[in-house]
C-alpha atoms as a PDB file:
ATOM      1  CA  MET A   1      -0.071   0.072  -0.240  1.00  0.00           C
ATOM      2  CA  LYS A   2       1.036   3.396  -0.678  1.00  0.00           C
ATOM      3  CA  ALA A   3       0.337   6.608   1.184  1.00  0.00           C
ATOM      4  CA  THR A   4       0.844  10.114   0.071  1.00  0.00           C
ATOM      5  CA  PHE A   5      -0.321  13.728   2.089  1.00  0.00           C
ATOM      6  CA  LYS A   6      -0.984  16.932  -0.221  1.00  0.00           C
ATOM      7  CA  LYS A   7      -1.345  20.054   1.666  1.00  0.00           C
ATOM      8  CA  TYR A   8      -4.430  22.008   0.022  1.00  0.00           C
ATOM      9  CA  LEU A   9      -5.038  25.963   0.485  1.00  0.00           C
ATOM     10  CA  LEU A  10      -8.820  26.786   0.527  1.00  0.00           C
ATOM     11  CA  ASN A  11      -9.888  30.525   0.001  1.00  0.00           C
ATOM     12  CA  PHE A  12     -12.432  32.068   1.700  1.00  0.00           C
ATOM     13  CA  LYS A  13     -14.695  33.831  -0.811  1.00  0.00           C
ATOM     14  CA  ASN A  14     -15.693  36.399   1.901  1.00  0.00           C
ATOM     15  CA  PRO A  15     -13.211  37.269   5.001  1.00  0.00           C
ATOM     16  CA  SER A  16     -15.284  35.139   7.827  1.00  0.00           C
ATOM     17  CA  GLY A  17     -15.583  36.648  11.277  1.00  0.00           C
ATOM     18  CA  THR A  18     -15.255  34.879  14.714  1.00  0.00           C
ATOM     19  CA  SER A  19     -13.829  35.881  18.263  1.00  0.00           C
ATOM     20  CA  ARG A  20     -10.724  34.109  17.197  1.00  0.00           C
ATOM     21  CA  GLY A  21     -10.055  37.025  14.921  1.00  0.00           C
ATOM     22  CA  ILE A  22     -10.710  36.891  10.449  1.00  0.00           C
ATOM     23  CA  LEU A  23     -10.394  34.067   8.666  1.00  0.00           C
ATOM     24  CA  ARG A  24      -9.457  34.390   5.017  1.00  0.00           C
ATOM     25  CA  THR A  25      -7.931  30.778   4.178  1.00  0.00           C
ATOM     26  CA  LYS A  26      -7.784  27.774   5.637  1.00  0.00           C
ATOM     27  CA  GLU A  27      -5.330  24.663   5.043  1.00  0.00           C
ATOM     28  CA  THR A  28      -6.177  21.147   5.169  1.00  0.00           C
ATOM     29  CA  TRP A  29      -4.031  17.880   3.961  1.00  0.00           C
ATOM     30  CA  PHE A  30      -5.543  15.240   2.117  1.00  0.00           C
ATOM     31  CA  LEU A  31      -4.770  11.458   2.431  1.00  0.00           C
ATOM     32  CA  PHE A  32      -4.289   9.289  -0.156  1.00  0.00           C
ATOM     33  CA  LEU A  33      -4.144   5.588  -0.544  1.00  0.00           C
ATOM     34  CA  GLN A  34      -3.130   3.501  -2.767  1.00  0.00           C
ATOM     35  CA  LYS A  35      -3.652  -0.439  -3.189  1.00  0.00           C
ATOM     36  CA  GLU A  36      -3.960  -2.504  -6.623  1.00  0.00           C
ATOM     37  CA  GLY A  37      -5.411  -0.416  -8.621  1.00  0.00           C
ATOM     38  CA  LYS A  38      -7.737   0.928  -6.131  1.00  0.00           C
ATOM     39  CA  TRP A  39      -7.077   4.496  -4.216  1.00  0.00           C
ATOM     40  CA  GLY A  40      -9.509   5.832  -1.487  1.00  0.00           C
ATOM     41  CA  VAL A  41      -8.924   9.573   0.074  1.00  0.00           C
ATOM     42  CA  GLY A  42      -9.467  11.449   3.355  1.00  0.00           C
ATOM     43  CA  GLU A  43      -9.421  14.777   4.702  1.00  0.00           C
ATOM     44  CA  CYS A  44      -6.990  15.749   7.891  1.00  0.00           C
ATOM     45  CA  GLY A  45      -8.125  19.091   8.649  1.00  0.00           C
ATOM     46  CA  LEU A  46      -6.286  20.849  10.782  1.00  0.00           C
ATOM     47  CA  PHE A  47      -7.487  23.618  12.507  1.00  0.00           C
ATOM     48  CA  ARG A  48      -4.860  26.564  13.304  1.00  0.00           C
ATOM     49  CA  GLY A  49      -5.356  28.308  16.864  1.00  0.00           C
ATOM     50  CA  LEU A  50      -7.921  25.481  17.505  1.00  0.00           C
ATOM     51  CA  SER A  51      -7.260  21.951  16.944  1.00  0.00           C
ATOM     52  CA  PHE A  52      -5.092  20.124  19.838  1.00  0.00           C
ATOM     53  CA  ASP A  53      -2.963  18.683  16.982  1.00  0.00           C
ATOM     54  CA  ASP A  54      -1.515  22.435  15.749  1.00  0.00           C
ATOM     55  CA  VAL A  55       1.532  21.369  16.594  1.00  0.00           C
ATOM     56  CA  PRO A  56       5.008  22.214  15.013  1.00  0.00           C
ATOM     57  CA  GLU A  57       5.938  18.653  13.951  1.00  0.00           C
ATOM     58  CA  TYR A  58       2.575  18.169  12.273  1.00  0.00           C
ATOM     59  CA  GLU A  59       3.933  17.651   8.769  1.00  0.00           C
ATOM     60  CA  GLU A  60       6.329  15.406  10.499  1.00  0.00           C
ATOM     61  CA  LYS A  61       3.690  13.456  11.828  1.00  0.00           C
ATOM     62  CA  CYS A  62       2.282  13.092   8.346  1.00  0.00           C
ATOM     63  CA  ALA A  63       4.661  11.913   6.340  1.00  0.00           C
ATOM     64  CA  TRP A  64       5.355   9.661   9.479  1.00  0.00           C
ATOM     65  CA  VAL A  65       1.548   7.687   9.076  1.00  0.00           C
ATOM     66  CA  ALA A  66       2.865   7.714   5.388  1.00  0.00           C
ATOM     67  CA  GLN A  67       5.725   5.478   5.959  1.00  0.00           C
ATOM     68  CA  ASN A  68       4.169   3.627   8.518  1.00  0.00           C
ATOM     69  CA  ILE A  69       0.574   2.939   6.399  1.00  0.00           C
ATOM     70  CA  ASN A  70       1.269  -0.483   6.599  1.00  0.00           C
ATOM     71  CA  LEU A  71       1.155  -0.947  10.392  1.00  0.00           C
ATOM     72  CA  GLY A  72      -3.149  -0.638   9.407  1.00  0.00           C
ATOM     73  CA  GLU A  73      -5.945   1.019  10.947  1.00  0.00           C
ATOM     74  CA  THR A  74      -6.588   0.112  14.217  1.00  0.00           C
ATOM     75  CA  GLU A  75      -2.954   0.748  15.119  1.00  0.00           C
ATOM     76  CA  LEU A  76      -2.693   3.690  13.836  1.00  0.00           C
ATOM     77  CA  LEU A  77      -5.702   5.314  15.651  1.00  0.00           C
ATOM     78  CA  LYS A  78      -3.892   3.881  18.944  1.00  0.00           C
ATOM     79  CA  GLN A  79      -0.702   5.479  18.105  1.00  0.00           C
ATOM     80  CA  LEU A  80      -2.550   8.892  17.189  1.00  0.00           C
ATOM     81  CA  GLN A  81      -4.258  10.009  19.791  1.00  0.00           C
ATOM     82  CA  ASP A  82      -2.899  13.492  20.341  1.00  0.00           C
ATOM     83  CA  PHE A  83      -3.427  13.935  16.618  1.00  0.00           C
ATOM     84  CA  PRO A  84      -7.105  14.011  16.176  1.00  0.00           C
ATOM     85  CA  SER A  85      -7.064  15.415  12.699  1.00  0.00           C
ATOM     86  CA  LEU A  86      -5.072  12.870  11.171  1.00  0.00           C
ATOM     87  CA  GLN A  87      -7.232   9.761  12.897  1.00  0.00           C
ATOM     88  CA  PHE A  88     -10.471  11.535  11.277  1.00  0.00           C
ATOM     89  CA  GLY A  89      -8.154  11.695   7.753  1.00  0.00           C
ATOM     90  CA  ILE A  90      -6.892   8.161   8.478  1.00  0.00           C
ATOM     91  CA  GLU A  91     -10.697   6.408   8.990  1.00  0.00           C
ATOM     92  CA  GLN A  92     -12.030   8.116   5.906  1.00  0.00           C
ATOM     93  CA  ALA A  93      -9.229   7.160   3.787  1.00  0.00           C
ATOM     94  CA  PHE A  94      -9.045   3.247   4.523  1.00  0.00           C
ATOM     95  CA  THR A  95     -13.259   3.512   4.339  1.00  0.00           C
ATOM     96  CA  SER A  96     -12.648   4.889   1.100  1.00  0.00           C
ATOM     97  CA  LEU A  97     -10.063   2.533  -0.113  1.00  0.00           C
ATOM     98  CA  ARG A  98     -12.704  -0.141   0.939  1.00  0.00           C
ATOM     99  CA  SER A  99     -15.363   0.876  -0.901  1.00  0.00           C
ATOM    100  CA  LYS A 100     -16.365   0.383  -4.663  1.00  0.00           C
ATOM    101  CA  ASN A 101     -17.013   4.084  -5.067  1.00  0.00           C
ATOM    102  CA  SER A 102     -14.495   5.760  -3.146  1.00  0.00           C
ATOM    103  CA  PHE A 103     -16.977   8.740  -1.735  1.00  0.00           C
ATOM    104  CA  HIS A 104     -19.221   6.266  -1.076  1.00  0.00           C
ATOM    105  CA  LEU A 105     -17.998   5.895   2.916  1.00  0.00           C
ATOM    106  CA  PHE A 106     -21.398   4.750   4.524  1.00  0.00           C
ATOM    107  CA  ASP A 107     -25.001   3.375   3.263  1.00  0.00           C
ATOM    108  CA  SER A 108     -27.623   5.706   4.501  1.00  0.00           C
ATOM    109  CA  THR A 109     -31.180   7.378   2.814  1.00  0.00           C
ATOM    110  CA  PHE A 110     -28.774  10.462   2.434  1.00  0.00           C
ATOM    111  CA  PHE A 111     -25.826   8.580   0.358  1.00  0.00           C
ATOM    112  CA  ASN A 112     -28.509   5.942  -1.457  1.00  0.00           C
ATOM    113  CA  ASN A 113     -31.716   8.080  -1.451  1.00  0.00           C
ATOM    114  CA  GLN A 114     -30.708  11.822  -2.018  1.00  0.00           C
ATOM    115  CA  LYS A 115     -32.420  12.085   1.291  1.00  0.00           C
ATOM    116  CA  PRO A 116     -31.524  15.679   2.835  1.00  0.00           C
ATOM    117  CA  ILE A 117     -29.658  16.302   6.082  1.00  0.00           C
ATOM    118  CA  SER A 118     -31.262  19.322   8.033  1.00  0.00           C
ATOM    119  CA  ILE A 119     -28.923  22.014   8.483  1.00  0.00           C
ATOM    120  CA  ASN A 120     -28.244  25.459   9.997  1.00  0.00           C
ATOM    121  CA  GLY A 121     -27.304  28.402   8.023  1.00  0.00           C
ATOM    122  CA  LEU A 122     -24.200  29.950   9.587  1.00  0.00           C
ATOM    123  CA  VAL A 123     -24.374  33.833   9.587  1.00  0.00           C
ATOM    124  CA  TRP A 124     -20.544  35.250  10.157  1.00  0.00           C
ATOM    125  CA  MET A 125     -19.911  38.045  12.538  1.00  0.00           C
ATOM    126  CA  GLY A 126     -19.239  41.705  11.000  1.00  0.00           C
ATOM    127  CA  ASP A 127     -21.380  45.044  11.386  1.00  0.00           C
ATOM    128  CA  LYS A 128     -24.847  45.011  11.592  1.00  0.00           C
ATOM    129  CA  GLU A 129     -25.650  45.964   7.293  1.00  0.00           C
ATOM    130  CA  PHE A 130     -23.654  42.749   6.425  1.00  0.00           C
ATOM    131  CA  MET A 131     -25.003  40.200   9.052  1.00  0.00           C
ATOM    132  CA  HIS A 132     -28.494  41.764   8.328  1.00  0.00           C
ATOM    133  CA  GLN A 133     -27.964  40.335   4.541  1.00  0.00           C
ATOM    134  CA  GLN A 134     -26.594  37.409   5.445  1.00  0.00           C
ATOM    135  CA  ILE A 135     -29.810  35.953   7.121  1.00  0.00           C
ATOM    136  CA  GLU A 136     -32.160  37.454   4.842  1.00  0.00           C
ATOM    137  CA  GLU A 137     -29.733  35.506   2.143  1.00  0.00           C
ATOM    138  CA  LYS A 138     -30.420  32.287   4.717  1.00  0.00           C
ATOM    139  CA  LEU A 139     -33.917  32.963   5.153  1.00  0.00           C
ATOM    140  CA  LYS A 140     -34.595  33.316   1.576  1.00  0.00           C
ATOM    141  CA  ASN A 141     -32.909  30.198   0.717  1.00  0.00           C
ATOM    142  CA  GLY A 142     -35.489  28.076   2.904  1.00  0.00           C
ATOM    143  CA  PHE A 143     -33.568  27.955   6.373  1.00  0.00           C
ATOM    144  CA  SER A 144     -35.747  27.737   9.426  1.00  0.00           C
ATOM    145  CA  CYS A 145     -32.362  26.993  12.009  1.00  0.00           C
ATOM    146  CA  ILE A 146     -29.829  29.996  11.862  1.00  0.00           C
ATOM    147  CA  LYS A 147     -26.685  30.083  13.562  1.00  0.00           C
ATOM    148  CA  MET A 148     -25.212  33.520  14.325  1.00  0.00           C
ATOM    149  CA  LYS A 149     -21.691  33.946  15.376  1.00  0.00           C
ATOM    150  CA  ILE A 150     -21.650  36.511  18.310  1.00  0.00           C
ATOM    151  CA  GLY A 151     -18.694  37.908  20.637  1.00  0.00           C
ATOM    152  CA  ALA A 152     -16.804  39.727  18.238  1.00  0.00           C
ATOM    153  CA  ILE A 153     -18.620  42.874  17.440  1.00  0.00           C
ATOM    154  CA  ASP A 154     -20.696  45.195  19.974  1.00  0.00           C
ATOM    155  CA  PHE A 155     -23.120  43.015  22.214  1.00  0.00           C
ATOM    156  CA  ASP A 156     -25.763  45.618  22.143  1.00  0.00           C
ATOM    157  CA  THR A 157     -25.765  45.546  18.250  1.00  0.00           C
ATOM    158  CA  GLU A 158     -25.517  41.838  18.103  1.00  0.00           C
ATOM    159  CA  ILE A 159     -28.815  41.606  20.465  1.00  0.00           C
ATOM    160  CA  ALA A 160     -30.247  44.677  18.009  1.00  0.00           C
ATOM    161  CA  LEU A 161     -30.181  42.256  15.326  1.00  0.00           C
ATOM    162  CA  LEU A 162     -31.540  39.130  17.255  1.00  0.00           C
ATOM    163  CA  LYS A 163     -34.183  41.382  17.535  1.00  0.00           C
ATOM    164  CA  SER A 164     -34.878  42.443  14.748  1.00  0.00           C
ATOM    165  CA  ILE A 165     -34.940  39.113  13.622  1.00  0.00           C
ATOM    166  CA  ARG A 166     -37.566  38.286  16.070  1.00  0.00           C
ATOM    167  CA  GLU A 167     -40.009  40.593  15.318  1.00  0.00           C
ATOM    168  CA  ARG A 168     -40.109  39.114  11.755  1.00  0.00           C
ATOM    169  CA  TYR A 169     -40.141  35.598  12.826  1.00  0.00           C
ATOM    170  CA  SER A 170     -41.202  33.857  15.956  1.00  0.00           C
ATOM    171  CA  LYS A 171     -38.875  30.973  17.221  1.00  0.00           C
ATOM    172  CA  GLU A 172     -41.223  28.245  15.588  1.00  0.00           C
ATOM    173  CA  ALA A 173     -40.489  29.734  12.089  1.00  0.00           C
ATOM    174  CA  ILE A 174     -37.132  30.170  12.858  1.00  0.00           C
ATOM    175  CA  GLU A 175     -34.619  28.504  15.005  1.00  0.00           C
ATOM    176  CA  LEU A 176     -31.544  30.490  16.354  1.00  0.00           C
ATOM    177  CA  ARG A 177     -28.677  29.034  17.640  1.00  0.00           C
ATOM    178  CA  VAL A 178     -25.850  31.477  18.662  1.00  0.00           C
ATOM    179  CA  ASP A 179     -22.491  30.790  18.939  1.00  0.00           C
ATOM    180  CA  ALA A 180     -20.028  32.701  21.315  1.00  0.00           C
ATOM    181  CA  ASN A 181     -16.778  30.864  20.430  1.00  0.00           C
ATOM    182  CA  GLY A 182     -15.727  31.297  24.174  1.00  0.00           C
ATOM    183  CA  ALA A 183     -15.912  35.302  24.033  1.00  0.00           C
ATOM    184  CA  PHE A 184     -17.828  35.786  27.273  1.00  0.00           C
ATOM    185  CA  THR A 185     -15.497  36.253  31.393  1.00  0.00           C
ATOM    186  CA  PRO A 186     -16.897  33.920  33.726  1.00  0.00           C
ATOM    187  CA  GLN A 187     -18.306  37.005  35.614  1.00  0.00           C
ATOM    188  CA  GLU A 188     -20.298  38.357  32.610  1.00  0.00           C
ATOM    189  CA  ALA A 189     -21.574  35.462  31.364  1.00  0.00           C
ATOM    190  CA  LEU A 190     -24.429  34.641  33.147  1.00  0.00           C
ATOM    191  CA  PHE A 191     -25.720  38.251  32.940  1.00  0.00           C
ATOM    192  CA  LYS A 192     -25.429  38.157  28.946  1.00  0.00           C
ATOM    193  CA  LEU A 193     -26.980  34.651  29.010  1.00  0.00           C
ATOM    194  CA  ASP A 194     -30.052  35.932  30.676  1.00  0.00           C
ATOM    195  CA  ILE A 195     -30.177  39.105  28.017  1.00  0.00           C
ATOM    196  CA  LEU A 196     -30.095  36.630  25.377  1.00  0.00           C
ATOM    197  CA  SER A 197     -32.519  34.235  26.864  1.00  0.00           C
ATOM    198  CA  LYS A 198     -35.417  36.908  26.596  1.00  0.00           C
ATOM    199  CA  LEU A 199     -34.739  36.294  22.605  1.00  0.00           C
ATOM    200  CA  ASP A 200     -36.479  32.635  22.559  1.00  0.00           C
ATOM    201  CA  LEU A 201     -32.876  31.362  21.361  1.00  0.00           C
ATOM    202  CA  HIS A 202     -32.332  27.662  21.125  1.00  0.00           C
ATOM    203  CA  SER A 203     -28.859  27.706  22.611  1.00  0.00           C
ATOM    204  CA  ILE A 204     -25.195  28.958  22.791  1.00  0.00           C
ATOM    205  CA  GLU A 205     -22.471  27.602  22.313  1.00  0.00           C
ATOM    206  CA  GLN A 206     -19.232  28.199  24.360  1.00  0.00           C
ATOM    207  CA  PRO A 207     -19.985  30.955  26.147  1.00  0.00           C
ATOM    208  CA  ILE A 208     -16.931  30.744  27.859  1.00  0.00           C
ATOM    209  CA  LYS A 209     -13.481  29.500  27.135  1.00  0.00           C
ATOM    210  CA  GLN A 210     -12.747  26.224  27.504  1.00  0.00           C
ATOM    211  CA  GLY A 211     -11.077  24.606  30.666  1.00  0.00           C
ATOM    212  CA  GLN A 212     -12.573  26.292  33.142  1.00  0.00           C
ATOM    213  CA  ALA A 213     -14.926  23.338  34.160  1.00  0.00           C
ATOM    214  CA  GLU A 214     -16.214  24.340  37.842  1.00  0.00           C
ATOM    215  CA  GLU A 215     -17.194  27.727  36.024  1.00  0.00           C
ATOM    216  CA  MET A 216     -18.922  26.205  33.257  1.00  0.00           C
ATOM    217  CA  LYS A 217     -20.890  23.828  35.284  1.00  0.00           C
ATOM    218  CA  ARG A 218     -21.807  27.029  38.025  1.00  0.00           C
ATOM    219  CA  LEU A 219     -23.086  27.912  34.344  1.00  0.00           C
ATOM    220  CA  CYS A 220     -24.972  25.284  33.102  1.00  0.00           C
ATOM    221  CA  SER A 221     -26.614  24.755  36.108  1.00  0.00           C
ATOM    222  CA  ASN A 222     -27.902  28.545  36.554  1.00  0.00           C
ATOM    223  CA  THR A 223     -28.236  29.212  33.198  1.00  0.00           C
ATOM    224  CA  PRO A 224     -31.870  30.297  31.369  1.00  0.00           C
ATOM    225  CA  LEU A 225     -30.459  29.334  27.991  1.00  0.00           C
ATOM    226  CA  PRO A 226     -29.278  26.129  27.010  1.00  0.00           C
ATOM    227  CA  ILE A 227     -25.573  25.462  26.758  1.00  0.00           C
ATOM    228  CA  ALA A 228     -23.687  23.791  23.731  1.00  0.00           C
ATOM    229  CA  LEU A 229     -20.091  22.670  25.105  1.00  0.00           C
ATOM    230  CA  ASP A 230     -18.191  22.716  21.850  1.00  0.00           C
ATOM    231  CA  GLU A 231     -14.310  23.711  22.031  1.00  0.00           C
ATOM    232  CA  GLU A 232     -14.542  22.209  25.747  1.00  0.00           C
ATOM    233  CA  LEU A 233     -14.258  18.885  23.860  1.00  0.00           C
ATOM    234  CA  ILE A 234     -11.157  19.677  22.376  1.00  0.00           C
ATOM    235  CA  GLY A 235      -8.085  17.347  23.393  1.00  0.00           C
ATOM    236  CA  VAL A 236      -9.998  15.470  25.981  1.00  0.00           C
ATOM    237  CA  VAL A 237      -8.941  11.635  24.585  1.00  0.00           C
ATOM    238  CA  ASP A 238      -9.342   9.387  27.141  1.00  0.00           C
ATOM    239  CA  VAL A 239     -12.974   7.819  27.448  1.00  0.00           C
ATOM    240  CA  THR A 240     -13.216   7.754  31.613  1.00  0.00           C
ATOM    241  CA  LYS A 241     -11.924  11.366  31.352  1.00  0.00           C
ATOM    242  CA  LYS A 242     -14.677  12.597  28.927  1.00  0.00           C
ATOM    243  CA  ALA A 243     -17.023  10.873  30.968  1.00  0.00           C
ATOM    244  CA  ALA A 244     -15.946  12.787  34.233  1.00  0.00           C
ATOM    245  CA  LEU A 245     -16.409  16.179  32.379  1.00  0.00           C
ATOM    246  CA  LEU A 246     -19.950  15.625  31.320  1.00  0.00           C
ATOM    247  CA  GLN A 247     -20.534  14.456  34.006  1.00  0.00           C
ATOM    248  CA  ILE A 248     -19.318  17.413  36.297  1.00  0.00           C
ATOM    249  CA  ILE A 249     -20.091  20.185  34.022  1.00  0.00           C
ATOM    250  CA  GLN A 250     -23.369  18.301  32.753  1.00  0.00           C
ATOM    251  CA  PRO A 251     -24.097  20.672  29.871  1.00  0.00           C
ATOM    252  CA  GLN A 252     -27.861  20.558  28.012  1.00  0.00           C
ATOM    253  CA  TYR A 253     -26.005  20.111  24.885  1.00  0.00           C
ATOM    254  CA  ILE A 254     -22.183  19.090  22.963  1.00  0.00           C
ATOM    255  CA  ILE A 255     -21.214  19.574  19.675  1.00  0.00           C
ATOM    256  CA  LEU A 256     -19.242  17.069  17.622  1.00  0.00           C
ATOM    257  CA  LYS A 257     -16.544  17.972  14.934  1.00  0.00           C
ATOM    258  CA  PRO A 258     -14.818  14.751  13.729  1.00  0.00           C
ATOM    259  CA  SER A 259     -11.787  17.055  12.552  1.00  0.00           C
ATOM    260  CA  LEU A 260     -10.944  17.744  16.428  1.00  0.00           C
ATOM    261  CA  VAL A 261     -12.423  15.362  18.736  1.00  0.00           C
ATOM    262  CA  GLY A 262     -10.842  12.220  16.893  1.00  0.00           C
ATOM    263  CA  GLY A 263     -13.160  11.279  13.775  1.00  0.00           C
ATOM    264  CA  PHE A 264     -15.849   8.713  13.867  1.00  0.00           C
ATOM    265  CA  ALA A 265     -14.503   6.485  16.776  1.00  0.00           C
ATOM    266  CA  GLY A 266     -13.878   9.650  19.504  1.00  0.00           C
ATOM    267  CA  SER A 267     -17.362  11.229  18.456  1.00  0.00           C
ATOM    268  CA  SER A 268     -19.262   8.063  18.990  1.00  0.00           C
ATOM    269  CA  GLU A 269     -17.771   8.162  22.344  1.00  0.00           C
ATOM    270  CA  TRP A 270     -18.787  11.294  23.234  1.00  0.00           C
ATOM    271  CA  ILE A 271     -22.622  10.975  21.815  1.00  0.00           C
ATOM    272  CA  SER A 272     -22.939   7.315  23.925  1.00  0.00           C
ATOM    273  CA  ILE A 273     -21.414   9.167  27.180  1.00  0.00           C
ATOM    274  CA  ALA A 274     -23.814  12.179  26.363  1.00  0.00           C
ATOM    275  CA  GLU A 275     -26.411   9.673  25.683  1.00  0.00           C
ATOM    276  CA  LYS A 276     -26.164   8.094  29.044  1.00  0.00           C
ATOM    277  CA  ASN A 277     -26.030  11.285  30.868  1.00  0.00           C
ATOM    278  CA  ASN A 278     -29.186  12.392  28.920  1.00  0.00           C
ATOM    279  CA  ILE A 279     -27.436  14.796  27.288  1.00  0.00           C
ATOM    280  CA  GLY A 280     -28.677  16.095  23.702  1.00  0.00           C
ATOM    281  CA  TRP A 281     -26.038  16.656  20.632  1.00  0.00           C
ATOM    282  CA  TRP A 282     -25.259  17.201  17.091  1.00  0.00           C
ATOM    283  CA  VAL A 283     -22.694  17.412  14.417  1.00  0.00           C
ATOM    284  CA  THR A 284     -20.669  20.193  13.053  1.00  0.00           C
ATOM    285  CA  SER A 285     -18.104  20.263  10.076  1.00  0.00           C
ATOM    286  CA  ALA A 286     -15.321  22.413  10.855  1.00  0.00           C
ATOM    287  CA  LEU A 287     -14.428  24.325   7.619  1.00  0.00           C
ATOM    288  CA  GLU A 288     -13.331  21.066   5.880  1.00  0.00           C
ATOM    289  CA  SER A 289     -13.258  20.682   1.936  1.00  0.00           C
ATOM    290  CA  ASN A 290     -15.995  18.925   0.570  1.00  0.00           C
ATOM    291  CA  ILE A 291     -13.866  16.158   0.964  1.00  0.00           C
ATOM    292  CA  GLY A 292     -14.369  15.766   4.456  1.00  0.00           C
ATOM    293  CA  LEU A 293     -17.176  17.137   4.649  1.00  0.00           C
ATOM    294  CA  ASN A 294     -19.023  14.475   2.634  1.00  0.00           C
ATOM    295  CA  ALA A 295     -17.797  11.636   5.029  1.00  0.00           C
ATOM    296  CA  ILE A 296     -19.183  13.787   8.261  1.00  0.00           C
ATOM    297  CA  ALA A 297     -22.807  13.927   6.375  1.00  0.00           C
ATOM    298  CA  GLN A 298     -22.543  10.419   5.410  1.00  0.00           C
ATOM    299  CA  TRP A 299     -21.882   9.548   8.817  1.00  0.00           C
ATOM    300  CA  THR A 300     -24.260  11.722  10.309  1.00  0.00           C
ATOM    301  CA  ALA A 301     -26.810  10.393   8.427  1.00  0.00           C
ATOM    302  CA  THR A 302     -27.093   6.921   9.611  1.00  0.00           C
ATOM    303  CA  LEU A 303     -27.100   8.793  13.612  1.00  0.00           C
ATOM    304  CA  HIS A 304     -30.321   9.564  12.324  1.00  0.00           C
ATOM    305  CA  ASN A 305     -30.784  12.626  14.621  1.00  0.00           C
ATOM    306  CA  GLU A 306     -33.375  14.785  13.483  1.00  0.00           C
ATOM    307  CA  MET A 307     -32.230  18.217  14.542  1.00  0.00           C
ATOM    308  CA  PRO A 308     -30.352  20.426  11.838  1.00  0.00           C
ATOM    309  CA  GLN A 309     -26.654  20.103  11.912  1.00  0.00           C
ATOM    310  CA  GLY A 310     -24.488  22.135  11.535  1.00  0.00           C
ATOM    311  CA  LEU A 311     -23.112  20.698   7.868  1.00  0.00           C
ATOM    312  CA  GLY A 312     -23.829  23.912   5.951  1.00  0.00           C
ATOM    313  CA  THR A 313     -19.900  25.120   5.434  1.00  0.00           C
ATOM    314  CA  GLY A 314     -19.477  23.845   1.783  1.00  0.00           C
ATOM    315  CA  SER A 315     -20.114  26.741  -0.343  1.00  0.00           C
ATOM    316  CA  LEU A 316     -17.716  28.977   1.596  1.00  0.00           C
ATOM    317  CA  PHE A 317     -14.648  28.706  -0.448  1.00  0.00           C
ATOM    318  CA  THR A 318     -13.758  29.656  -4.010  1.00  0.00           C
ATOM    319  CA  ASN A 319     -11.388  26.654  -4.898  1.00  0.00           C
ATOM    320  CA  ASN A 320     -13.302  24.196  -2.839  1.00  0.00           C
ATOM    321  CA  ILE A 321     -13.465  20.386  -4.617  1.00  0.00           C
ATOM    322  CA  GLU A 322     -16.437  20.184  -6.571  1.00  0.00           C
ATOM    323  CA  SER A 323     -18.600  17.465  -5.575  1.00  0.00           C
ATOM    324  CA  PRO A 324     -22.167  16.432  -5.660  1.00  0.00           C
ATOM    325  CA  LEU A 325     -23.006  18.025  -2.323  1.00  0.00           C
ATOM    326  CA  GLU A 326     -25.347  20.833  -2.321  1.00  0.00           C
ATOM    327  CA  VAL A 327     -27.667  22.791  -0.206  1.00  0.00           C
ATOM    328  CA  ASN A 328     -31.059  23.288  -0.736  1.00  0.00           C
ATOM    329  CA  ASN A 329     -34.092  24.849   1.200  1.00  0.00           C
ATOM    330  CA  GLY A 330     -32.225  24.449   4.650  1.00  0.00           C
ATOM    331  CA  GLY A 331     -31.249  20.869   3.770  1.00  0.00           C
ATOM    332  CA  LEU A 332     -27.475  19.482   2.696  1.00  0.00           C
ATOM    333  CA  PHE A 333     -28.110  16.779  -0.459  1.00  0.00           C
ATOM    334  CA  TYR A 334     -26.287  14.166  -2.317  1.00  0.00           C
ATOM    335  CA  ASN A 335     -26.814  14.744  -5.818  1.00  0.00           C
ATOM    336  CA  SER A 336     -26.009  11.505  -7.715  1.00  0.00           C
ATOM    337  CA  SER A 337     -26.815  13.416 -10.914  1.00  0.00           C
ATOM    338  CA  LYS A 338     -23.586  15.623 -10.122  1.00  0.00           C
ATOM    339  CA  LYS A 339     -20.079  14.141 -10.316  1.00  0.00           C
ATOM    340  CA  TRP A 340     -16.694  14.880  -8.127  1.00  0.00           C
ATOM    341  CA  ASN A 341     -13.942  16.644 -10.135  1.00  0.00           C
ATOM    342  CA  THR A 342     -11.822  13.587  -9.871  1.00  0.00           C
ATOM    343  CA  LYS A 343      -9.549  15.018 -12.289  1.00  0.00           C
ATOM    344  CA  LEU A 344      -8.222  17.815  -9.663  1.00  0.00           C
ATOM    345  CA  ILE A 345      -8.422  15.018  -6.680  1.00  0.00           C
ATOM    346  CA  GLU A 346      -5.606  12.680  -8.893  1.00  0.00           C
ATOM    347  CA  SER A 347      -3.681  15.726 -10.124  1.00  0.00           C
ATOM    348  CA  LEU A 348      -3.098  16.020  -6.653  1.00  0.00           C
ATOM    349  CA  CYS A 349      -2.681  12.118  -5.679  1.00  0.00           C
ATOM    350  CA  ILE A 350       0.455  11.876  -8.216  1.00  0.00           C
END
């Protein structure tokens, strides 16, 4: 078996704002496997500044994986616990290689019957006019769930925006989620959550920075607005530590980003623990290309979670890999009448 890695730089159509700054590009790595005339592909979606495995020796570890690919999937996953994005890429690539169709990773109604996965429409931070423009666009495109990034501009402006949506659309018409990306301080968080709760929001993701378990526990036990843990899960790889974290904090929801929490296997562990503790969950992509998004979507469809998932990121880039994935009327589809850009993929593979 031959393994090769190729770095690929994704370019955002529009600079995208978060509380951590403006994103203009997103680097990612493709892992290609070749064996007996077949090939498989997986995406190692490293997220600079957020991924647990954002370390100087990342590319050296990619080279190590390529050199040691004959250890096999199980052993590689075991040895790469500190590199969740590589674990995810390896899972995808081996599954892709085993499949008759390199892009058919899991059987589901999403892939086999073109049944859509309900997703949220993502609204990025920016000035008031830009955010309003995005909101209107999402509503025109049939989204019934909107996720809005908050925490980078003035809080009063963000509240005014949310109020303006609620004045036009009830919570029955539009589900609103907000993502603070850890922007609030523990001292101000409860006060801000109380204000936000009056706007009939579904939930807030990561109101304070991760790594403050006791503060987050206090928030989750007193919050008037359901809290979803996101960044809090990153870097917790031992299953007993995962269980301890959720039992301590007792959040209302957790959010699984396979690239950041150890792929399908790591995400499945979190889901199992959450369900035992009556904690809700949903799955979100982490700005992967369509290669990784396709894998996440196909896997998510096998889980039969009817909540809107966070899988609407495929249209953000100017140079994404052309694929059958498309968003229509608030859902992500696998349109089998469309084709993958295999020429581009194979050119990367060489």
